[in-house]
């Protein structure tokens, strides 16, 4: 049987498809007035500049390439000034039939580009991309510090020092002071007990018992080394914080960050990270639901035969998702706020994780409108949900009464 080639309407005059690899770039040009041609370039800067010159010579206006790891970034940085570049999620085109070689990959990308069938990934501006590098690296260092603190706890357990059994937070003031004193060589239980916080729930006797262990020279060496590592990483955090602040200032993003900080649970670090992940130009997203879906914070659709079923949240930006959940957790520690009340109303019947996702979704939607309209967060208050529930109940019972033929006149009671 003869195979029929599917033709598409051409909407771009001349374009280029690039199949990106670590060491090579397979490039296909295609369009009106030029012959389809495929060339291979290496990934060195000089070779990418030769690619740029060739594309300009051939009158190419648009480029599409897959978002392969980090390998697309240097190509984008060199070409973005001269061409309109579309970065494509590899998942969206990986199932196209017939893709067996790198050459066919680049040819298919070029063909789909000219037909306007490629869905562009969100690429923030250069200042936002640089801010993203800083905030993501900061998050990684913070995670390393947390890992080091966990190692300290394991070493104490190895020495049969049960401090974690009597303090609620191993990163809190009491535990930190006691551990630092032990690292510095303090062995007297009475001296260590002086660091006990007055509001600590465990008794002095319980704390004293937990500190009686066998802390060897090996344990002390390990604790000292880990402490030095933590101090070093904390200095890196300070440098990153300073650089992030400078980046916000230089890119005129400082006001946006300050506006985001009006959302309960979103602090200085959180506001910078939100901007780093979604940018500050909300015109990139058609609406708030689109942003939520892109971020992976909205449930997928799961409807069959008219029945809506429970579904998981969609895939999205993992860094943003983790960040929003952390902000949501911070928001649940606030008092008399809408977000805290929202969490409390969901956690009992939906569970902690789903409740945090729901609050994180609310924070993201608030961030969208704050960045879009350049306004502060409007606190609805803890009573908002109760009033909303009351209004729904009134409408429901009114409808029931009207169906029974009753005529009802509503009079609002004024206290």
Protein backbone atom coordinates (compact mmCIF):
# COMPACT_ATOMS: atom_id res chain seq x y z
CA UNK A 1 0.00 0.00 0.00
CA UNK A 2 1.36 3.39 -0.97
CA UNK A 3 2.03 5.69 1.97
CA UNK A 4 0.45 9.13 1.81
CA UNK A 5 2.44 12.03 3.21
CA UNK A 6 0.42 14.34 5.41
CA UNK A 7 0.78 17.98 4.41
CA UNK A 8 0.39 20.96 6.73
CA UNK A 9 -0.43 24.57 6.04
CA UNK A 10 2.75 26.67 6.22
CA UNK A 11 2.48 29.70 8.53
CA UNK A 12 6.19 30.57 8.89
CA UNK A 13 8.18 31.42 5.77
CA UNK A 14 11.61 30.11 6.74
CA UNK A 15 12.58 28.16 9.83
CA UNK A 16 15.12 25.86 11.39
CA UNK A 17 14.86 22.75 13.55
CA UNK A 18 17.73 21.85 15.88
CA UNK A 19 18.20 18.45 17.51
CA UNK A 20 20.38 19.26 20.53
CA UNK A 21 22.93 16.90 22.04
CA UNK A 22 25.82 17.36 24.46
CA UNK A 23 28.50 17.38 21.74
CA UNK A 24 26.67 17.97 18.45
CA UNK A 25 23.77 19.93 16.98
CA UNK A 26 21.86 18.49 14.02
CA UNK A 27 20.31 21.42 12.15
CA UNK A 28 17.70 21.38 9.36
CA UNK A 29 16.57 24.50 7.49
CA UNK A 30 13.35 24.54 5.53
CA UNK A 31 11.01 27.08 3.94
CA UNK A 32 9.92 29.15 0.99
CA UNK A 33 12.61 29.79 -1.64
CA UNK A 34 15.27 27.56 -0.06
CA UNK A 35 16.15 23.90 -0.42
CA UNK A 36 15.79 21.74 2.68
CA UNK A 37 19.27 21.12 4.04
CA UNK A 38 20.65 19.39 7.13
CA UNK A 39 24.04 20.16 8.65
CA UNK A 40 25.85 19.06 11.80
CA UNK A 41 27.71 21.44 14.11
CA UNK A 42 29.65 20.77 17.30
CA UNK A 43 28.62 22.46 20.54
CA UNK A 44 31.65 24.75 20.92
CA UNK A 45 31.02 28.50 20.88
CA UNK A 46 32.85 29.09 17.59
CA UNK A 47 30.76 26.43 15.86
CA UNK A 48 27.49 27.86 17.22
CA UNK A 49 28.54 31.30 15.92
CA UNK A 50 29.14 29.71 12.48
CA UNK A 51 25.63 28.23 12.72
CA UNK A 52 24.25 31.69 13.52
CA UNK A 53 25.99 33.24 10.49
CA UNK A 54 24.74 30.48 8.18
CA UNK A 55 21.14 30.85 9.37
CA UNK A 56 21.27 34.64 8.90
CA UNK A 57 22.67 34.15 5.40
CA UNK A 58 19.81 31.77 4.52
CA UNK A 59 17.18 34.24 5.76
CA UNK A 60 15.97 32.08 8.65
CA UNK A 61 13.68 33.96 11.06
CA UNK A 62 12.46 31.24 13.45
CA UNK A 63 14.24 28.44 15.28
CA UNK A 64 12.80 25.51 17.23
CA UNK A 65 14.75 23.11 19.43
CA UNK A 66 14.03 20.56 22.14
CA UNK A 67 14.67 21.52 25.75
CA UNK A 68 17.35 18.87 26.26
CA UNK A 69 18.82 19.18 29.77
CA UNK A 70 20.97 22.30 30.00
CA UNK A 71 22.50 21.87 26.54
CA UNK A 72 20.05 24.24 24.87
CA UNK A 73 21.04 27.20 27.06
CA UNK A 74 24.36 28.25 25.42
CA UNK A 75 22.75 27.89 21.99
CA UNK A 76 19.83 30.06 23.07
CA UNK A 77 22.15 32.67 24.59
CA UNK A 78 24.07 33.06 21.32
CA UNK A 79 21.09 32.96 18.94
CA UNK A 80 18.34 34.79 20.84
CA UNK A 81 19.38 38.28 19.66
CA UNK A 82 18.97 37.41 15.95
CA UNK A 83 16.09 34.92 15.79
CA UNK A 84 12.74 34.13 17.33
CA UNK A 85 13.40 30.91 19.22
CA UNK A 86 10.84 28.35 20.32
CA UNK A 87 11.92 25.92 23.01
CA UNK A 88 9.87 22.73 22.85
CA UNK A 89 9.22 20.14 25.53
CA UNK A 90 10.61 16.88 24.16
CA UNK A 91 7.57 14.98 25.51
CA UNK A 92 5.29 16.89 23.15
CA UNK A 93 6.95 15.61 19.97
CA UNK A 94 8.73 12.40 21.00
CA UNK A 95 5.85 10.19 19.81
CA UNK A 96 5.80 11.52 16.25
CA UNK A 97 5.90 8.43 13.96
CA UNK A 98 9.04 7.78 11.94
CA UNK A 99 11.56 9.55 14.19
CA UNK A 100 14.50 7.14 14.13
CA UNK A 101 17.59 9.31 13.59
CA UNK A 102 18.92 12.70 14.66
CA UNK A 103 18.52 13.93 11.07
CA UNK A 104 14.85 12.93 11.00
CA UNK A 105 14.38 14.55 14.40
CA UNK A 106 15.63 17.93 13.20
CA UNK A 107 13.64 17.60 9.95
CA UNK A 108 10.44 16.89 11.86
CA UNK A 109 11.06 19.81 14.25
CA UNK A 110 11.58 22.15 11.27
CA UNK A 111 8.44 20.84 9.56
CA UNK A 112 6.27 21.27 12.65
CA UNK A 113 7.75 24.73 13.25
CA UNK A 114 6.80 26.00 9.77
CA UNK A 115 3.30 24.60 10.26
CA UNK A 116 2.85 26.41 13.59
CA UNK A 117 2.16 23.15 15.41
CA UNK A 118 4.79 23.44 18.14
CA UNK A 119 3.85 24.50 21.64
CA UNK A 120 6.51 26.85 22.98
CA UNK A 121 7.88 26.37 26.49
CA UNK A 122 8.06 29.40 28.78
CA UNK A 123 11.50 31.06 28.56
CA UNK A 124 11.95 33.98 30.97
CA UNK A 125 14.13 36.98 30.19
CA UNK A 126 17.88 36.86 30.85
CA UNK A 127 17.68 38.72 34.23
CA UNK A 128 15.01 36.26 35.40
CA UNK A 129 17.10 33.29 34.21
CA UNK A 130 20.10 34.60 36.14
CA UNK A 131 17.92 35.11 39.22
CA UNK A 132 16.68 31.54 38.81
CA UNK A 133 20.26 30.23 38.83
CA UNK A 134 20.87 32.06 42.11
CA UNK A 135 17.66 31.00 43.89
CA UNK A 136 17.94 27.35 42.81
CA UNK A 137 21.56 27.17 43.92
CA UNK A 138 20.59 28.77 47.23
CA UNK A 139 17.90 26.12 47.69
CA UNK A 140 20.48 23.40 47.02
CA UNK A 141 22.88 24.82 49.63
CA UNK A 142 20.04 25.09 52.17
CA UNK A 143 19.29 21.42 51.51
CA UNK A 144 22.94 20.55 52.08
CA UNK A 145 22.89 22.37 55.43
CA UNK A 146 19.80 20.38 56.43
CA UNK A 147 21.62 17.16 55.48
CA UNK A 148 24.61 18.15 57.60
CA UNK A 149 22.34 18.80 60.59
CA UNK A 150 20.81 15.35 60.11
CA UNK A 151 24.33 13.89 60.21
CA UNK A 152 24.91 15.60 63.54
CA UNK A 153 21.79 13.95 64.92
CA UNK A 154 22.97 10.51 63.70
CA UNK A 155 26.37 10.98 65.34
CA UNK A 156 24.72 11.94 68.64
CA UNK A 157 22.55 8.83 68.41
CA UNK A 158 25.69 6.77 67.76
CA UNK A 159 27.12 8.23 70.99
CA UNK A 160 23.81 7.34 72.74
CA UNK A 161 23.03 11.00 73.37
CA UNK A 162 19.23 11.13 73.09
CA UNK A 163 18.81 14.88 72.71
CA UNK A 164 16.31 14.46 69.86
CA UNK A 165 14.01 12.54 72.24
CA UNK A 166 13.52 15.49 74.60
CA UNK A 167 13.65 18.56 72.32
CA UNK A 168 10.96 19.28 69.76
CA UNK A 169 13.30 20.93 67.24
CA UNK A 170 16.92 19.90 66.75
CA UNK A 171 17.48 23.21 64.93
CA UNK A 172 16.03 25.21 67.83
CA UNK A 173 17.90 27.40 70.30
CA UNK A 174 18.33 24.82 73.08
CA UNK A 175 19.57 21.98 70.87
CA UNK A 176 21.87 24.25 68.83
CA UNK A 177 23.54 25.76 71.91
CA UNK A 178 24.02 22.37 73.57
CA UNK A 179 25.46 20.78 70.42
CA UNK A 180 27.82 23.72 69.81
CA UNK A 181 29.03 23.53 73.42
CA UNK A 182 29.65 19.78 73.10
CA UNK A 183 31.59 20.35 69.87
CA UNK A 184 33.68 22.99 71.65
CA UNK A 185 34.62 20.39 74.26
CA UNK A 186 32.10 20.95 77.07
CA UNK A 187 31.45 17.67 78.91
CA UNK A 188 29.80 18.85 82.14
CA UNK A 189 26.10 17.98 82.20
CA UNK A 190 25.42 20.86 84.62
CA UNK A 191 27.02 23.35 82.23
CA UNK A 192 25.06 21.97 79.28
CA UNK A 193 21.79 22.23 81.24
CA UNK A 194 22.29 26.00 81.48
CA UNK A 195 21.34 26.23 77.79
CA UNK A 196 17.86 24.83 78.48
CA UNK A 197 15.13 27.23 77.39
CA UNK A 198 12.66 28.16 80.11
CA UNK A 199 9.64 27.13 78.00
CA UNK A 200 11.03 23.71 77.16
CA UNK A 201 8.41 21.02 77.85
CA UNK A 202 10.85 18.30 78.95
CA UNK A 203 12.08 18.54 82.54
CA UNK A 204 15.66 19.27 83.60
CA UNK A 205 15.97 15.65 84.76
CA UNK A 206 14.88 14.31 81.36
CA UNK A 207 17.28 16.61 79.53
CA UNK A 208 20.13 15.61 81.85
CA UNK A 209 19.44 11.91 81.25
CA UNK A 210 19.38 12.40 77.48
CA UNK A 211 22.84 14.02 77.55
CA UNK A 212 24.51 11.10 79.32
CA UNK A 213 26.24 9.17 76.58
CA UNK A 214 29.64 8.12 75.31
CA UNK A 215 30.98 10.95 73.15
CA UNK A 216 34.37 9.75 71.87
CA UNK A 217 37.16 11.72 70.21
CA UNK A 218 36.01 10.31 66.88
CA UNK A 219 32.50 11.69 67.48
CA UNK A 220 33.94 15.08 68.44
CA UNK A 221 36.08 15.16 65.29
CA UNK A 222 33.08 14.35 63.10
CA UNK A 223 30.90 16.96 64.83
CA UNK A 224 33.62 19.61 64.50
CA UNK A 225 34.10 18.86 60.80
CA UNK A 226 30.37 18.99 60.12
CA UNK A 227 30.03 22.26 62.04
CA UNK A 228 32.81 23.79 59.91
CA UNK A 229 30.99 22.60 56.79
CA UNK A 230 27.75 24.21 57.98
CA UNK A 231 29.50 27.52 58.74
CA UNK A 232 31.09 27.48 55.27
CA UNK A 233 27.73 26.85 53.62
CA UNK A 234 26.05 29.58 55.69
CA UNK A 235 28.65 32.03 54.36
CA UNK A 236 27.73 30.95 50.82
CA UNK A 237 24.06 31.60 51.66
CA UNK A 238 24.97 35.13 52.79
CA UNK A 239 26.81 35.78 49.51
CA UNK A 240 23.88 34.43 47.50
CA UNK A 241 21.36 36.52 49.46
CA UNK A 242 23.38 39.65 48.72
CA UNK A 243 23.65 38.77 45.04
CA UNK A 244 19.93 37.97 44.79
CA UNK A 245 19.08 41.33 46.34
CA UNK A 246 21.40 43.08 43.87
CA UNK A 247 19.82 41.18 40.97
CA UNK A 248 16.31 42.19 42.06
CA UNK A 249 17.42 45.81 42.37
CA UNK A 250 19.27 45.94 39.04
CA UNK A 251 16.42 44.26 37.15
CA UNK A 252 13.73 46.50 38.71
CA UNK A 253 12.13 43.48 40.36
CA UNK A 254 12.44 44.73 43.93
CA UNK A 255 8.91 46.18 44.04
CA UNK A 256 7.42 42.95 42.69
CA UNK A 257 9.24 40.98 45.39
CA UNK A 258 7.99 43.33 48.11
CA UNK A 259 4.40 43.03 46.84
CA UNK A 260 4.62 39.23 46.91
CA UNK A 261 5.80 39.38 50.51
CA UNK A 262 2.36 40.73 51.49
CA UNK A 263 1.01 37.18 50.94
CA UNK A 264 0.94 35.25 54.25
CA UNK A 265 3.68 32.61 54.22
CA UNK A 266 5.74 34.27 51.48
CA UNK A 267 8.92 35.76 52.88
CA UNK A 268 11.91 37.44 51.30
CA UNK A 269 13.40 34.19 49.99
CA UNK A 270 10.04 32.92 48.78
CA UNK A 271 9.19 36.09 46.85
CA UNK A 272 12.53 36.07 44.99
CA UNK A 273 12.11 32.38 44.16
CA UNK A 274 8.55 32.85 42.85
CA UNK A 275 9.73 35.61 40.50
CA UNK A 276 12.68 33.44 39.44
CA UNK A 277 10.34 30.60 38.45
CA UNK A 278 7.40 32.41 36.81
CA UNK A 279 8.90 35.82 35.98
CA UNK A 280 7.12 39.10 36.60
CA UNK A 281 5.37 39.44 33.22
CA UNK A 282 2.07 37.62 33.56
CA UNK A 283 1.15 38.28 29.91
CA UNK A 284 3.17 35.10 29.26
CA UNK A 285 0.18 33.18 30.62
CA UNK A 286 -3.34 33.61 29.15
CA UNK A 287 -4.92 33.47 32.62
CA UNK A 288 -4.36 32.30 36.18
CA UNK A 289 -5.62 28.77 35.41
CA UNK A 290 -3.02 28.43 32.66
CA UNK A 291 -0.25 29.42 35.10
CA UNK A 292 -1.58 26.97 37.67
CA UNK A 293 -1.60 24.14 35.12
CA UNK A 294 1.91 25.04 33.90
CA UNK A 295 3.17 24.99 37.49
CA UNK A 296 1.58 21.60 38.16
CA UNK A 297 -0.62 22.99 40.93
CA UNK A 298 -4.04 22.26 39.43
CA UNK A 299 -5.80 18.86 39.37
CA UNK A 300 -6.04 17.15 36.02
CA UNK A 301 -9.43 16.50 34.41
CA UNK A 302 -10.85 13.04 35.09
CA UNK A 303 -14.45 12.88 33.93
CA UNK A 304 -16.29 9.92 32.48
CA UNK A 305 -19.98 9.52 31.64
CA UNK A 306 -20.70 12.89 33.20
CA UNK A 307 -19.10 11.94 36.52
CA UNK A 308 -16.12 13.84 37.87
CA UNK A 309 -13.59 11.67 39.65
CA UNK A 310 -10.64 12.47 41.89
CA UNK A 311 -7.43 13.15 39.99
CA UNK A 312 -3.84 13.95 40.76
CA UNK A 313 -2.19 17.31 40.20
CA UNK A 314 -0.46 17.70 36.85
CA UNK A 315 3.26 17.62 36.11
CA UNK A 316 4.97 21.00 36.31
CA UNK A 317 7.88 23.03 37.60
CA UNK A 318 9.17 20.89 40.49
CA UNK A 319 11.11 23.79 42.04
CA UNK A 320 8.03 26.02 42.07
CA UNK A 321 5.82 23.22 43.40
CA UNK A 322 8.13 22.55 46.37
CA UNK A 323 8.42 26.28 47.02
CA UNK A 324 4.65 26.82 47.04
CA UNK A 325 4.12 23.93 49.45
CA UNK A 326 6.75 25.41 51.78
CA UNK A 327 5.04 28.82 51.59
CA UNK A 328 1.71 27.10 52.25
CA UNK A 329 3.13 25.44 55.35
CA UNK A 330 4.37 28.82 56.59
CA UNK A 331 0.92 30.29 55.89
CA UNK A 332 -0.70 27.64 58.10
CA UNK A 333 1.32 29.00 61.05
CA UNK A 334 -0.25 32.46 60.68
CA UNK A 335 -3.24 33.63 62.74
CA UNK A 336 -6.64 34.89 61.60
CA UNK A 337 -5.85 34.59 57.88
CA UNK A 338 -7.88 33.21 55.00
CA UNK A 339 -5.08 30.80 54.02
CA UNK A 340 -4.86 29.36 57.53
CA UNK A 341 -8.63 28.91 57.65
CA UNK A 342 -8.59 27.29 54.20
CA UNK A 343 -6.00 24.76 55.39
CA UNK A 344 -7.98 24.02 58.56
CA UNK A 345 -11.15 23.44 56.54
CA UNK A 346 -9.44 20.92 54.24
CA UNK A 347 -6.92 19.04 56.36
CA UNK A 348 -9.50 16.97 58.26
CA UNK A 349 -11.24 15.50 55.21
CA UNK A 350 -8.52 15.75 52.53
CA UNK A 351 -5.33 15.13 54.49
CA UNK A 352 -2.28 17.26 55.15
CA UNK A 353 -0.61 16.91 51.73
CA UNK A 354 -3.68 17.78 49.68
CA UNK A 355 -4.54 20.64 51.99
CA UNK A 356 -1.05 22.11 51.54
CA UNK A 357 -1.30 21.74 47.75
CA UNK A 358 -4.65 23.57 47.83
CA UNK A 359 -3.20 26.43 49.89
CA UNK A 360 -0.14 26.54 47.62
CA UNK A 361 -2.51 26.84 44.66
CA UNK A 362 -4.22 29.80 46.34
CA UNK A 363 -0.83 31.46 46.91
CA UNK A 364 0.10 31.01 43.23
CA UNK A 365 -3.20 32.51 42.05
CA UNK A 366 -2.70 35.46 44.41
CA UNK A 367 0.86 35.90 43.08
CA UNK A 368 -0.48 35.96 39.50
CA UNK A 369 -2.85 38.86 40.15
CA UNK A 370 -0.33 40.72 42.34
CA UNK A 371 2.28 40.62 39.57
CA UNK A 372 -0.30 41.30 36.85
CA UNK A 373 -1.93 44.31 38.52
CA UNK A 374 1.04 45.45 40.69
CA UNK A 375 -1.07 45.50 43.86
CA UNK A 376 -0.71 44.24 47.43
CA UNK A 377 -2.35 41.07 48.68
CA UNK A 378 -5.88 41.64 49.97
CA UNK A 379 -6.48 39.70 53.17
CA UNK A 380 -10.00 38.18 53.16
CA UNK A 381 -9.83 37.18 56.81
CA UNK A 382 -10.57 33.97 58.65
CA UNK A 383 -14.35 34.61 58.56
CA UNK A 384 -14.54 34.72 54.76
CA UNK A 385 -15.03 30.98 54.29
CA UNK A 386 -17.72 30.87 56.97
CA UNK A 387 -19.63 33.73 55.33
CA UNK A 388 -19.26 32.06 51.94
CA UNK A 389 -20.63 28.81 53.34
CA UNK A 390 -23.53 30.68 54.93
CA UNK A 391 -24.44 32.33 51.61
CA UNK A 392 -24.45 28.94 49.86
CA UNK A 393 -26.73 27.49 52.51
CA UNK A 394 -29.16 30.41 52.19
CA UNK A 395 -29.32 30.02 48.39
CA UNK A 396 -29.84 26.27 48.70
CA UNK A 397 -32.73 26.53 51.17
CA UNK A 398 -34.32 29.39 49.21
CA UNK A 399 -34.33 27.21 46.12
CA UNK A 400 -35.90 24.33 48.06
CA UNK A 401 -38.63 26.56 49.48
CA UNK A 402 -39.44 28.11 46.10
CA UNK A 403 -39.80 24.65 44.57
CA UNK A 404 -42.36 23.94 47.30
CA UNK A 405 -44.31 27.06 46.27
CA UNK A 406 -43.32 29.29 49.19
CA UNK A 407 -42.71 33.00 48.76
CA UNK A 408 -39.75 34.16 50.83
CA UNK A 409 -38.52 37.65 51.63
CA UNK A 410 -34.94 37.89 52.93
CA UNK A 411 -34.14 40.55 55.51
CA UNK A 412 -30.53 40.89 56.58
CA UNK A 413 -30.18 41.15 60.34
CA UNK A 414 -28.08 44.10 61.41
CA UNK A 415 -26.42 43.71 64.81
